[in-house]
């Protein structure tokens, strides 16, 4: 997470883990996660990540085969989606 509240990711991205709308297999330099400009905290799992936004919303992206993104589906996302019910 950057001081501006933007988030950047790098590494394996085949399951959408980079959050930039692509399924790049390997990204060796940081790329900006789409649509996040007010993140205050970021955490990651094995193939997904989540950001707490300044207004209290949590957005997640990446693999979702076990409901990791918290959006009521089991469909992965290569861009952030809002966690439901928080």
C-alpha atoms as a PDB file:
ATOM      1  CA  UNK A   1       0.000   0.000   0.000  1.00  0.00           C
ATOM      2  CA  UNK A   2       1.256   3.449  -0.903  1.00  0.00           C
ATOM      3  CA  UNK A   3       0.948   6.622   1.176  1.00  0.00           C
ATOM      4  CA  UNK A   4      -1.659   7.835  -1.348  1.00  0.00           C
ATOM      5  CA  UNK A   5      -3.989   4.942  -0.470  1.00  0.00           C
ATOM      6  CA  UNK A   6      -3.333   3.221  -3.802  1.00  0.00           C
ATOM      7  CA  UNK A   7      -2.334  -0.445  -3.771  1.00  0.00           C
ATOM      8  CA  UNK A   8       0.226  -2.161  -5.992  1.00  0.00           C
ATOM      9  CA  UNK A   9       0.821  -5.894  -6.412  1.00  0.00           C
ATOM     10  CA  UNK A  10       3.387  -8.125  -8.103  1.00  0.00           C
ATOM     11  CA  UNK A  11       4.212 -11.813  -8.381  1.00  0.00           C
ATOM     12  CA  UNK A  12       1.946 -14.616  -9.594  1.00  0.00           C
ATOM     13  CA  UNK A  13      -1.215 -13.303 -11.223  1.00  0.00           C
ATOM     14  CA  UNK A  14      -2.854 -16.170 -13.115  1.00  0.00           C
ATOM     15  CA  UNK A  15      -5.851 -16.211 -10.719  1.00  0.00           C
ATOM     16  CA  UNK A  16      -6.346 -12.419 -10.712  1.00  0.00           C
ATOM     17  CA  UNK A  17      -4.155 -11.826  -7.651  1.00  0.00           C
ATOM     18  CA  UNK A  18      -2.697  -8.639  -9.141  1.00  0.00           C
ATOM     19  CA  UNK A  19      -6.090  -6.910  -9.123  1.00  0.00           C
ATOM     20  CA  UNK A  20      -5.327  -4.983 -12.305  1.00  0.00           C
ATOM     21  CA  UNK A  21      -7.784  -6.710 -14.633  1.00  0.00           C
ATOM     22  CA  UNK A  22      -5.272  -9.129 -16.121  1.00  0.00           C
ATOM     23  CA  UNK A  23      -4.316 -12.758 -15.699  1.00  0.00           C
ATOM     24  CA  UNK A  24      -0.586 -12.230 -16.177  1.00  0.00           C
ATOM     25  CA  UNK A  25       1.210 -15.345 -14.998  1.00  0.00           C
ATOM     26  CA  UNK A  26       4.234 -13.571 -13.492  1.00  0.00           C
ATOM     27  CA  UNK A  27       4.589  -9.838 -12.832  1.00  0.00           C
ATOM     28  CA  UNK A  28       8.069  -8.909 -11.630  1.00  0.00           C
ATOM     29  CA  UNK A  29       7.377  -5.201 -11.080  1.00  0.00           C
ATOM     30  CA  UNK A  30       4.504  -3.583  -9.146  1.00  0.00           C
ATOM     31  CA  UNK A  31       1.238  -2.839 -10.976  1.00  0.00           C
ATOM     32  CA  UNK A  32      -1.592  -0.737  -9.585  1.00  0.00           C
ATOM     33  CA  UNK A  33      -4.725  -2.495  -8.322  1.00  0.00           C
ATOM     34  CA  UNK A  34      -7.722  -1.070 -10.207  1.00  0.00           C
ATOM     35  CA  UNK A  35     -10.119   1.254  -8.433  1.00  0.00           C
ATOM     36  CA  UNK A  36      -8.452   1.502  -5.013  1.00  0.00           C
ATOM     37  CA  UNK A  37      -7.387   4.981  -3.967  1.00  0.00           C
ATOM     38  CA  UNK A  38      -8.291   5.071  -0.286  1.00  0.00           C
ATOM     39  CA  UNK A  39      -6.894   1.874   1.235  1.00  0.00           C
ATOM     40  CA  UNK A  40      -5.767   1.998   4.855  1.00  0.00           C
ATOM     41  CA  UNK A  41      -4.744  -1.668   5.312  1.00  0.00           C
ATOM     42  CA  UNK A  42      -3.989  -4.585   2.990  1.00  0.00           C
ATOM     43  CA  UNK A  43      -3.711  -8.308   3.669  1.00  0.00           C
ATOM     44  CA  UNK A  44      -3.224 -11.310   1.425  1.00  0.00           C
ATOM     45  CA  UNK A  45      -3.993 -14.983   1.340  1.00  0.00           C
ATOM     46  CA  UNK A  46      -2.475 -17.679  -0.840  1.00  0.00           C
ATOM     47  CA  UNK A  47      -4.111 -16.489  -4.096  1.00  0.00           C
ATOM     48  CA  UNK A  48      -6.206 -13.494  -3.061  1.00  0.00           C
ATOM     49  CA  UNK A  49      -5.833 -10.142  -1.312  1.00  0.00           C
ATOM     50  CA  UNK A  50      -8.107  -7.711   0.524  1.00  0.00           C
ATOM     51  CA  UNK A  51      -7.959  -4.015   1.339  1.00  0.00           C
ATOM     52  CA  UNK A  52      -9.746  -2.088   4.081  1.00  0.00           C
ATOM     53  CA  UNK A  53     -10.833   1.264   2.649  1.00  0.00           C
ATOM     54  CA  UNK A  54     -10.993   4.522   4.585  1.00  0.00           C
ATOM     55  CA  UNK A  55     -14.815   4.557   4.652  1.00  0.00           C
ATOM     56  CA  UNK A  56     -14.987   1.040   6.174  1.00  0.00           C
ATOM     57  CA  UNK A  57     -15.629  -1.030   3.027  1.00  0.00           C
ATOM     58  CA  UNK A  58     -13.463  -4.090   2.364  1.00  0.00           C
ATOM     59  CA  UNK A  59     -12.616  -5.022  -1.229  1.00  0.00           C
ATOM     60  CA  UNK A  60     -10.952  -8.298  -2.267  1.00  0.00           C
ATOM     61  CA  UNK A  61      -9.594  -9.780  -5.507  1.00  0.00           C
ATOM     62  CA  UNK A  62      -8.056 -13.017  -6.787  1.00  0.00           C
ATOM     63  CA  UNK A  63      -9.070 -16.664  -6.489  1.00  0.00           C
ATOM     64  CA  UNK A  64     -12.456 -17.368  -4.924  1.00  0.00           C
ATOM     65  CA  UNK A  65     -12.964 -21.137  -5.149  1.00  0.00           C
ATOM     66  CA  UNK A  66     -13.816 -21.317  -1.443  1.00  0.00           C
ATOM     67  CA  UNK A  67     -15.570 -17.949  -1.104  1.00  0.00           C
ATOM     68  CA  UNK A  68     -12.395 -16.058  -0.124  1.00  0.00           C
ATOM     69  CA  UNK A  69     -13.621 -12.780  -1.664  1.00  0.00           C
ATOM     70  CA  UNK A  70     -16.706 -12.620   0.553  1.00  0.00           C
ATOM     71  CA  UNK A  71     -19.010 -11.442  -2.233  1.00  0.00           C
ATOM     72  CA  UNK A  72     -21.473 -14.339  -2.105  1.00  0.00           C
ATOM     73  CA  UNK A  73     -20.024 -16.206  -5.102  1.00  0.00           C
ATOM     74  CA  UNK A  74     -17.277 -18.683  -5.813  1.00  0.00           C
ATOM     75  CA  UNK A  75     -16.128 -16.849  -8.941  1.00  0.00           C
ATOM     76  CA  UNK A  76     -12.685 -15.256  -8.876  1.00  0.00           C
ATOM     77  CA  UNK A  77     -12.110 -11.625  -9.791  1.00  0.00           C
ATOM     78  CA  UNK A  78      -9.098  -9.926 -11.354  1.00  0.00           C
ATOM     79  CA  UNK A  79     -10.293  -6.558  -9.998  1.00  0.00           C
ATOM     80  CA  UNK A  80     -11.474  -5.663  -6.474  1.00  0.00           C
ATOM     81  CA  UNK A  81     -15.020  -6.623  -5.445  1.00  0.00           C
ATOM     82  CA  UNK A  82     -16.785  -5.471  -2.290  1.00  0.00           C
ATOM     83  CA  UNK A  83     -17.159  -7.894   0.611  1.00  0.00           C
ATOM     84  CA  UNK A  84     -20.881  -8.168   1.353  1.00  0.00           C
ATOM     85  CA  UNK A  85     -22.512  -7.730   4.729  1.00  0.00           C
ATOM     86  CA  UNK A  86     -19.893  -5.701   6.576  1.00  0.00           C
END
